[in-house]
């Protein structure tokens, strides 16, 4: 349906030759392509991509959540609408990373005012937002692909963008025949509303790919803290980073909708249930038994129900209480959004309120399905 040669992709290998030796390639691929985009923007109509670049969204048209510095996109007040979602924390972390990369790149960019002009954080963030919301992952890395990124999103479409390295083209394959004048839709990927809002700046009502991040950690006051951390680390459980820079044994476990309250809990990660079982241990002997069982089987830790039924129930009730709290928080946040009056004349706030509702409603649906399954599982064991 559409073929775009690699030669007109905007990729990081199109850095101006003068600046390439000064760029720290430790920065992310999105930032690298953003630098290329900024150089082309400075060229104005002399850029070979001028027709494409001038048609990209302006700063006040962007709705990505993680670009909130200087309130150029979502303000702090806007962001509070999704404070109950894990996306809020992810937004803050993503914002901090973009700022870090900007200040790492700034000294080099400032050496070439003829290429980049006035180097400002808000302009860099705008360029990053354009890249993150429109770029595709190809064999060339992150690529802005003219024409292909103008196709609108449909999460249920089977139209896809594929890359052919032999022919050096990216092409869009249609999922069906289209009539003249009919909008062509494409699936960006199987993304949840959290990803769509964070990176792309929009949401989809009743998104079938919605999911929720659930953070778990070992309480520092746990008498077996050191032993549990050692066991979890040995079996490569997720690790996060605290604000002080030190790693701790915790991690975002991804929960998806549990389709059946009577099934095996598909949607609740086995690794999450295993983590909860480790947390439920009350003695070193309990932990040693888990390690031995893992060694005698497939090496995975605590993937089977605990022989002690009381501890198995306790482990899953720990998850149940955590999910229950998130359900309450999401439900309360949604009610606040529903009760607040927003003028339809305030288009930006009206749109963002809708996206916040889509995000929270989707996560709440997933959380309730997980809550139902966990409650039934615990009841069956009691």
Protein backbone atom coordinates (compact mmCIF):
# COMPACT_ATOMS: atom_id res chain seq x y z
CA UNK A 1 0.00 0.00 0.00
CA UNK A 2 2.90 2.36 0.76
CA UNK A 3 6.65 2.12 0.24
CA UNK A 4 9.15 4.58 1.72
CA UNK A 5 12.86 4.17 0.85
CA UNK A 6 15.43 4.21 3.63
CA UNK A 7 17.06 7.23 1.96
CA UNK A 8 14.27 9.53 3.16
CA UNK A 9 14.04 8.17 6.70
CA UNK A 10 15.27 10.51 9.43
CA UNK A 11 17.69 8.41 11.50
CA UNK A 12 20.58 9.00 13.85
CA UNK A 13 23.13 8.19 11.14
CA UNK A 14 22.13 11.46 9.44
CA UNK A 15 23.95 13.59 12.02
CA UNK A 16 25.76 16.54 10.47
CA UNK A 17 29.34 15.36 9.95
CA UNK A 18 30.74 18.30 11.91
CA UNK A 19 29.02 17.35 15.14
CA UNK A 20 29.18 13.56 14.98
CA UNK A 21 32.58 13.28 16.78
CA UNK A 22 31.24 15.35 19.70
CA UNK A 23 28.04 13.39 20.30
CA UNK A 24 27.92 11.00 23.23
CA UNK A 25 26.24 7.94 21.77
CA UNK A 26 25.42 6.79 25.27
CA UNK A 27 22.25 8.87 24.98
CA UNK A 28 19.06 7.20 23.86
CA UNK A 29 18.09 6.68 20.25
CA UNK A 30 15.09 9.01 20.57
CA UNK A 31 17.37 11.87 21.67
CA UNK A 32 19.78 11.15 18.81
CA UNK A 33 17.05 11.40 16.17
CA UNK A 34 15.68 14.50 17.95
CA UNK A 35 19.06 16.17 17.39
CA UNK A 36 18.86 15.35 13.66
CA UNK A 37 15.34 16.77 13.54
CA UNK A 38 16.47 20.00 15.26
CA UNK A 39 19.24 20.46 12.68
CA UNK A 40 16.74 20.04 9.84
CA UNK A 41 14.30 22.44 11.52
CA UNK A 42 17.05 25.07 11.64
CA UNK A 43 17.52 24.73 7.86
CA UNK A 44 13.89 25.71 7.33
CA UNK A 45 12.76 25.47 3.72
CA UNK A 46 16.30 24.56 2.65
CA UNK A 47 15.92 21.17 4.32
CA UNK A 48 15.15 18.28 1.97
CA UNK A 49 12.54 17.25 4.56
CA UNK A 50 10.97 20.74 4.79
CA UNK A 51 7.54 19.69 3.47
CA UNK A 52 7.44 16.86 6.00
CA UNK A 53 8.83 18.77 9.00
CA UNK A 54 6.54 21.78 8.58
CA UNK A 55 3.51 19.47 8.71
CA UNK A 56 4.47 17.98 12.10
CA UNK A 57 2.48 19.02 15.22
CA UNK A 58 3.46 22.24 16.95
CA UNK A 59 4.33 22.40 20.62
CA UNK A 60 0.81 23.34 21.78
CA UNK A 61 -0.64 20.35 19.90
CA UNK A 62 1.36 17.74 21.82
CA UNK A 63 -0.22 15.71 24.63
CA UNK A 64 2.57 13.30 25.65
CA UNK A 65 2.64 13.16 29.46
CA UNK A 66 6.35 12.95 30.09
CA UNK A 67 7.29 16.31 28.59
CA UNK A 68 6.06 18.57 31.40
CA UNK A 69 9.07 20.81 32.06
CA UNK A 70 8.18 24.49 31.78
CA UNK A 71 4.57 23.29 31.49
CA UNK A 72 4.89 23.10 27.69
CA UNK A 73 2.80 19.94 27.54
CA UNK A 74 1.04 18.47 30.58
CA UNK A 75 1.25 20.85 33.55
CA UNK A 76 1.69 19.60 37.10
CA UNK A 77 -2.05 20.14 37.67
CA UNK A 78 -2.86 18.11 34.55
CA UNK A 79 -0.57 15.33 35.68
CA UNK A 80 -2.34 15.08 39.03
CA UNK A 81 -5.34 13.65 37.17
CA UNK A 82 -3.38 10.40 36.69
CA UNK A 83 -1.46 10.43 39.98
CA UNK A 84 -3.05 7.09 40.99
CA UNK A 85 -1.68 5.37 37.90
CA UNK A 86 1.86 3.95 37.72
CA UNK A 87 2.17 6.14 34.61
CA UNK A 88 2.55 9.14 36.93
CA UNK A 89 5.78 7.78 38.42
CA UNK A 90 6.99 6.66 35.01
CA UNK A 91 6.32 10.13 33.63
CA UNK A 92 8.47 11.78 36.30
CA UNK A 93 11.31 9.32 35.70
CA UNK A 94 11.10 9.70 31.93
CA UNK A 95 11.13 13.48 32.22
CA UNK A 96 14.24 13.36 34.41
CA UNK A 97 16.00 11.13 31.87
CA UNK A 98 15.19 13.47 28.96
CA UNK A 99 16.55 16.43 30.92
CA UNK A 100 19.70 14.46 31.75
CA UNK A 101 20.28 13.66 28.08
CA UNK A 102 19.68 17.27 27.07
CA UNK A 103 22.33 18.57 29.44
CA UNK A 104 24.72 15.85 28.25
CA UNK A 105 24.20 16.96 24.64
CA UNK A 106 23.98 20.71 25.19
CA UNK A 107 27.75 21.52 25.33
CA UNK A 108 28.30 19.87 21.94
CA UNK A 109 25.22 21.42 20.33
CA UNK A 110 26.15 24.91 21.53
CA UNK A 111 29.43 24.65 19.62
CA UNK A 112 27.48 24.70 16.35
CA UNK A 113 24.97 27.60 16.52
CA UNK A 114 24.94 27.71 12.71
CA UNK A 115 23.46 24.19 12.73
CA UNK A 116 21.14 24.29 15.75
CA UNK A 117 20.57 27.96 16.59
CA UNK A 118 19.51 28.75 20.15
CA UNK A 119 19.67 25.52 22.20
CA UNK A 120 16.72 25.45 24.58
CA UNK A 121 15.36 22.62 26.68
CA UNK A 122 11.77 23.12 25.55
CA UNK A 123 12.77 22.87 21.88
CA UNK A 124 14.71 19.69 22.56
CA UNK A 125 11.74 18.22 24.44
CA UNK A 126 9.42 19.13 21.59
CA UNK A 127 11.74 17.35 19.14
CA UNK A 128 11.90 14.30 21.43
CA UNK A 129 8.10 14.27 21.67
CA UNK A 130 7.79 14.34 17.88
CA UNK A 131 10.21 11.43 17.57
CA UNK A 132 8.75 9.29 20.36
CA UNK A 133 5.20 9.76 19.11
CA UNK A 134 5.90 9.16 15.42
CA UNK A 135 9.07 7.10 14.99
CA UNK A 136 9.14 3.43 14.08
CA UNK A 137 11.67 0.84 15.15
CA UNK A 138 13.51 -0.46 12.10
CA UNK A 139 16.83 -2.12 11.39
CA UNK A 140 18.21 1.42 11.13
CA UNK A 141 17.18 2.04 14.73
CA UNK A 142 14.49 4.58 15.60
CA UNK A 143 13.35 6.17 12.33
CA UNK A 144 11.01 8.97 11.40
CA UNK A 145 9.32 7.73 8.22
CA UNK A 146 7.51 10.39 6.19
CA UNK A 147 3.97 9.44 5.08
CA UNK A 148 3.94 6.24 7.17
CA UNK A 149 3.68 8.21 10.42
CA UNK A 150 0.64 10.13 9.14
CA UNK A 151 -1.54 7.01 9.21
CA UNK A 152 -3.96 7.04 12.14
CA UNK A 153 -3.95 4.39 14.86
CA UNK A 154 -6.40 1.52 15.13
CA UNK A 155 -5.53 -1.00 17.81
CA UNK A 156 -7.59 -3.72 16.09
CA UNK A 157 -6.17 -3.19 12.59
CA UNK A 158 -3.91 -5.77 11.00
CA UNK A 159 -2.22 -3.17 8.79
CA UNK A 160 1.46 -3.14 9.70
CA UNK A 161 4.68 -1.39 8.77
CA UNK A 162 7.50 -3.75 7.83
CA UNK A 163 11.10 -3.15 6.78
CA UNK A 164 12.85 -4.86 3.88
CA UNK A 165 16.61 -4.48 4.35
CA UNK A 166 17.35 -6.12 1.00
CA UNK A 167 15.26 -3.58 -0.92
CA UNK A 168 16.04 -0.86 1.64
CA UNK A 169 12.43 0.20 2.02
CA UNK A 170 9.77 0.35 4.70
CA UNK A 171 6.34 -0.62 3.50
CA UNK A 172 2.82 -0.64 4.85
CA UNK A 173 0.77 -3.74 4.10
CA UNK A 174 -2.99 -3.28 3.98
CA UNK A 175 -5.18 -5.61 6.01
CA UNK A 176 -8.08 -5.31 3.55
CA UNK A 177 -9.31 -3.49 0.47
CA UNK A 178 -10.04 0.21 0.99
CA UNK A 179 -12.57 2.30 -0.91
CA UNK A 180 -11.61 5.61 -2.48
CA UNK A 181 -11.65 8.33 0.18
CA UNK A 182 -11.79 5.85 3.08
CA UNK A 183 -9.31 6.57 5.93
CA UNK A 184 -6.46 4.07 6.08
CA UNK A 185 -5.71 2.90 9.61
CA UNK A 186 -2.67 1.11 10.98
CA UNK A 187 -1.71 -0.60 14.23
CA UNK A 188 1.28 1.05 15.90
CA UNK A 189 1.71 -2.02 18.09
CA UNK A 190 -0.10 -3.85 20.87
CA UNK A 191 0.18 -0.93 23.27
CA UNK A 192 -1.71 -0.23 26.47
CA UNK A 193 -3.19 3.20 27.14
CA UNK A 194 -0.29 3.78 29.53
CA UNK A 195 2.19 3.52 26.63
CA UNK A 196 -0.04 5.40 24.20
CA UNK A 197 -0.44 8.28 26.65
CA UNK A 198 3.19 8.38 27.74
CA UNK A 199 4.79 8.17 24.30
CA UNK A 200 2.17 8.99 21.69
CA UNK A 201 -0.09 11.52 23.39
CA UNK A 202 -3.47 9.83 22.96
CA UNK A 203 -5.56 7.00 24.40
CA UNK A 204 -8.11 4.49 23.14
CA UNK A 205 -11.39 3.83 25.00
CA UNK A 206 -11.78 0.15 25.97
CA UNK A 207 -8.23 -0.68 24.90
CA UNK A 208 -7.91 -4.48 24.68
CA UNK A 209 -4.18 -4.21 25.39
CA UNK A 210 -4.52 -2.38 28.70
CA UNK A 211 -2.32 -3.52 31.57
CA UNK A 212 -1.11 -2.30 34.97
CA UNK A 213 2.29 -2.11 36.62
CA UNK A 214 2.36 -3.49 40.17
CA UNK A 215 5.40 -2.68 42.29
CA UNK A 216 6.46 -5.13 44.96
CA UNK A 217 9.39 -4.94 47.35
CA UNK A 218 10.79 -6.61 50.43
CA UNK A 219 10.07 -4.41 53.48
CA UNK A 220 13.32 -3.20 55.03
CA UNK A 221 12.00 -4.13 58.50
CA UNK A 222 11.52 -7.79 57.50
CA UNK A 223 13.71 -9.94 59.82
CA UNK A 224 14.65 -12.04 56.77
CA UNK A 225 15.30 -9.03 54.53
CA UNK A 226 18.92 -9.89 53.69
CA UNK A 227 18.18 -13.59 53.08
CA UNK A 228 15.18 -12.83 50.86
CA UNK A 229 17.12 -10.24 48.86
CA UNK A 230 19.95 -12.72 48.32
CA UNK A 231 17.55 -15.43 47.17
CA UNK A 232 15.67 -13.10 44.82
CA UNK A 233 18.87 -11.74 43.34
CA UNK A 234 20.19 -15.24 42.77
CA UNK A 235 17.11 -16.04 40.73
CA UNK A 236 17.26 -12.74 38.81
CA UNK A 237 14.03 -11.17 39.93
CA UNK A 238 13.36 -7.60 38.73
CA UNK A 239 15.41 -4.88 40.37
CA UNK A 240 14.54 -1.22 40.63
CA UNK A 241 16.57 1.81 41.59
CA UNK A 242 15.83 3.97 44.61
CA UNK A 243 16.07 7.74 44.50
CA UNK A 244 19.41 7.53 46.28
CA UNK A 245 20.84 5.52 43.40
CA UNK A 246 21.06 2.18 45.21
CA UNK A 247 19.38 -0.88 43.75
CA UNK A 248 16.77 -2.77 45.70
CA UNK A 249 14.92 -6.03 45.08
CA UNK A 250 11.61 -4.81 43.74
CA UNK A 251 10.11 -4.56 40.37
CA UNK A 252 7.23 -3.56 38.16
CA UNK A 253 5.24 -6.71 37.45
CA UNK A 254 2.85 -6.33 34.52
CA UNK A 255 -0.72 -7.47 35.18
CA UNK A 256 -3.07 -8.04 32.27
CA UNK A 257 -6.78 -8.76 32.30
CA UNK A 258 -7.60 -12.12 33.87
CA UNK A 259 -10.12 -13.51 31.43
CA UNK A 260 -11.65 -16.08 33.75
CA UNK A 261 -12.11 -15.88 37.50
CA UNK A 262 -12.11 -19.70 37.56
CA UNK A 263 -9.07 -20.26 35.35
CA UNK A 264 -5.39 -20.42 36.19
CA UNK A 265 -5.00 -16.71 36.61
CA UNK A 266 -3.57 -15.99 33.18
CA UNK A 267 -2.78 -12.31 33.30
CA UNK A 268 -1.26 -12.48 36.79
CA UNK A 269 2.45 -13.21 36.22
CA UNK A 270 3.83 -16.38 37.75
CA UNK A 271 6.87 -14.33 38.76
CA UNK A 272 4.63 -12.02 40.78
CA UNK A 273 3.02 -14.92 42.62
CA UNK A 274 6.49 -16.38 43.24
CA UNK A 275 7.65 -13.04 44.66
CA UNK A 276 4.68 -13.03 47.04
CA UNK A 277 5.52 -16.56 48.18
CA UNK A 278 9.07 -15.50 49.00
CA UNK A 279 7.69 -12.55 50.97
CA UNK A 280 5.49 -14.93 52.98
CA UNK A 281 8.47 -16.94 54.26
CA UNK A 282 8.87 -16.73 58.04
CA UNK A 283 12.13 -18.66 58.49
CA UNK A 284 15.43 -19.36 56.78
CA UNK A 285 14.25 -22.95 56.45
CA UNK A 286 11.30 -21.79 54.31
CA UNK A 287 13.68 -20.00 51.96
CA UNK A 288 16.05 -22.98 51.81
CA UNK A 289 13.16 -25.25 50.86
CA UNK A 290 12.19 -22.89 48.03
CA UNK A 291 15.77 -22.81 46.74
CA UNK A 292 15.98 -26.62 46.89
CA UNK A 293 12.68 -27.08 45.08
CA UNK A 294 13.83 -24.70 42.34
CA UNK A 295 17.12 -26.61 41.95
CA UNK A 296 15.31 -29.95 41.71
CA UNK A 297 12.91 -28.70 39.04
CA UNK A 298 13.35 -26.15 36.28
CA UNK A 299 15.37 -23.66 38.33
CA UNK A 300 12.52 -21.19 38.71
CA UNK A 301 11.88 -20.00 42.24
CA UNK A 302 8.56 -20.56 44.07
CA UNK A 303 6.53 -21.20 40.92
CA UNK A 304 4.51 -23.99 42.56
CA UNK A 305 1.91 -23.57 45.32
CA UNK A 306 3.40 -23.70 48.80
CA UNK A 307 2.84 -26.97 50.64
CA UNK A 308 1.80 -24.97 53.68
CA UNK A 309 -1.70 -23.90 52.66
CA UNK A 310 -1.87 -21.15 55.28
CA UNK A 311 1.27 -19.50 53.89
CA UNK A 312 0.02 -19.92 50.33
CA UNK A 313 -3.17 -18.05 51.28
CA UNK A 314 -1.14 -15.39 53.11
CA UNK A 315 1.08 -14.86 50.05
CA UNK A 316 -1.88 -14.32 47.74
CA UNK A 317 -3.73 -12.17 50.25
CA UNK A 318 -0.69 -9.90 50.23
CA UNK A 319 -1.26 -9.46 46.50
CA UNK A 320 -5.01 -9.16 47.01
CA UNK A 321 -4.64 -6.31 49.51
CA UNK A 322 -2.21 -4.46 47.22
CA UNK A 323 -4.57 -4.79 44.25
CA UNK A 324 -7.56 -3.87 46.43
CA UNK A 325 -5.88 -0.62 47.46
CA UNK A 326 -5.13 0.23 43.84
CA UNK A 327 -8.77 -0.48 42.92
CA UNK A 328 -9.97 1.94 45.61
CA UNK A 329 -7.50 4.63 44.56
CA UNK A 330 -8.36 4.33 40.86
CA UNK A 331 -12.09 4.34 41.58
CA UNK A 332 -11.77 7.47 43.73
CA UNK A 333 -9.69 9.25 41.10
CA UNK A 334 -12.24 8.44 38.38
CA UNK A 335 -15.08 9.80 40.53
CA UNK A 336 -13.18 13.05 41.02
CA UNK A 337 -12.76 13.39 37.25
CA UNK A 338 -16.44 12.68 36.68
CA UNK A 339 -17.58 15.21 39.29
CA UNK A 340 -15.35 18.05 38.07
CA UNK A 341 -16.79 20.46 35.55
CA UNK A 342 -14.60 21.40 32.59
CA UNK A 343 -15.57 24.00 30.05
CA UNK A 344 -15.71 22.65 26.51
CA UNK A 345 -14.03 25.90 25.52
CA UNK A 346 -10.87 24.72 27.29
CA UNK A 347 -10.09 22.24 24.53
CA UNK A 348 -6.70 21.14 25.85
CA UNK A 349 -7.93 20.33 29.36
CA UNK A 350 -11.08 18.69 27.96
CA UNK A 351 -8.96 16.36 25.78
CA UNK A 352 -6.55 15.51 28.58
CA UNK A 353 -9.39 14.80 31.00
CA UNK A 354 -10.72 12.28 28.50
CA UNK A 355 -7.32 10.62 28.17
CA UNK A 356 -6.98 10.45 31.95
CA UNK A 357 -10.37 8.72 32.18
CA UNK A 358 -9.43 6.22 29.46
CA UNK A 359 -6.18 5.39 31.26
CA UNK A 360 -7.70 4.99 34.72
CA UNK A 361 -10.77 3.10 33.50
CA UNK A 362 -8.63 0.64 31.56
CA UNK A 363 -6.33 0.00 34.51
CA UNK A 364 -9.29 -0.32 36.86
CA UNK A 365 -10.83 -2.98 34.60
CA UNK A 366 -7.59 -4.98 34.72
CA UNK A 367 -7.22 -4.55 38.48
CA UNK A 368 -10.78 -5.69 39.16
CA UNK A 369 -10.29 -8.82 37.09
CA UNK A 370 -7.11 -9.62 39.06
CA UNK A 371 -8.86 -8.88 42.36
CA UNK A 372 -11.70 -11.27 41.53
CA UNK A 373 -9.32 -14.09 40.64
CA UNK A 374 -7.15 -13.62 43.74
CA UNK A 375 -10.19 -13.45 46.04
CA UNK A 376 -11.59 -16.67 44.55
CA UNK A 377 -8.20 -18.40 44.79
CA UNK A 378 -7.83 -17.54 48.48
CA UNK A 379 -11.42 -18.54 49.24
CA UNK A 380 -10.91 -21.92 47.57
CA UNK A 381 -7.92 -22.65 49.82
CA UNK A 382 -9.57 -21.59 53.08
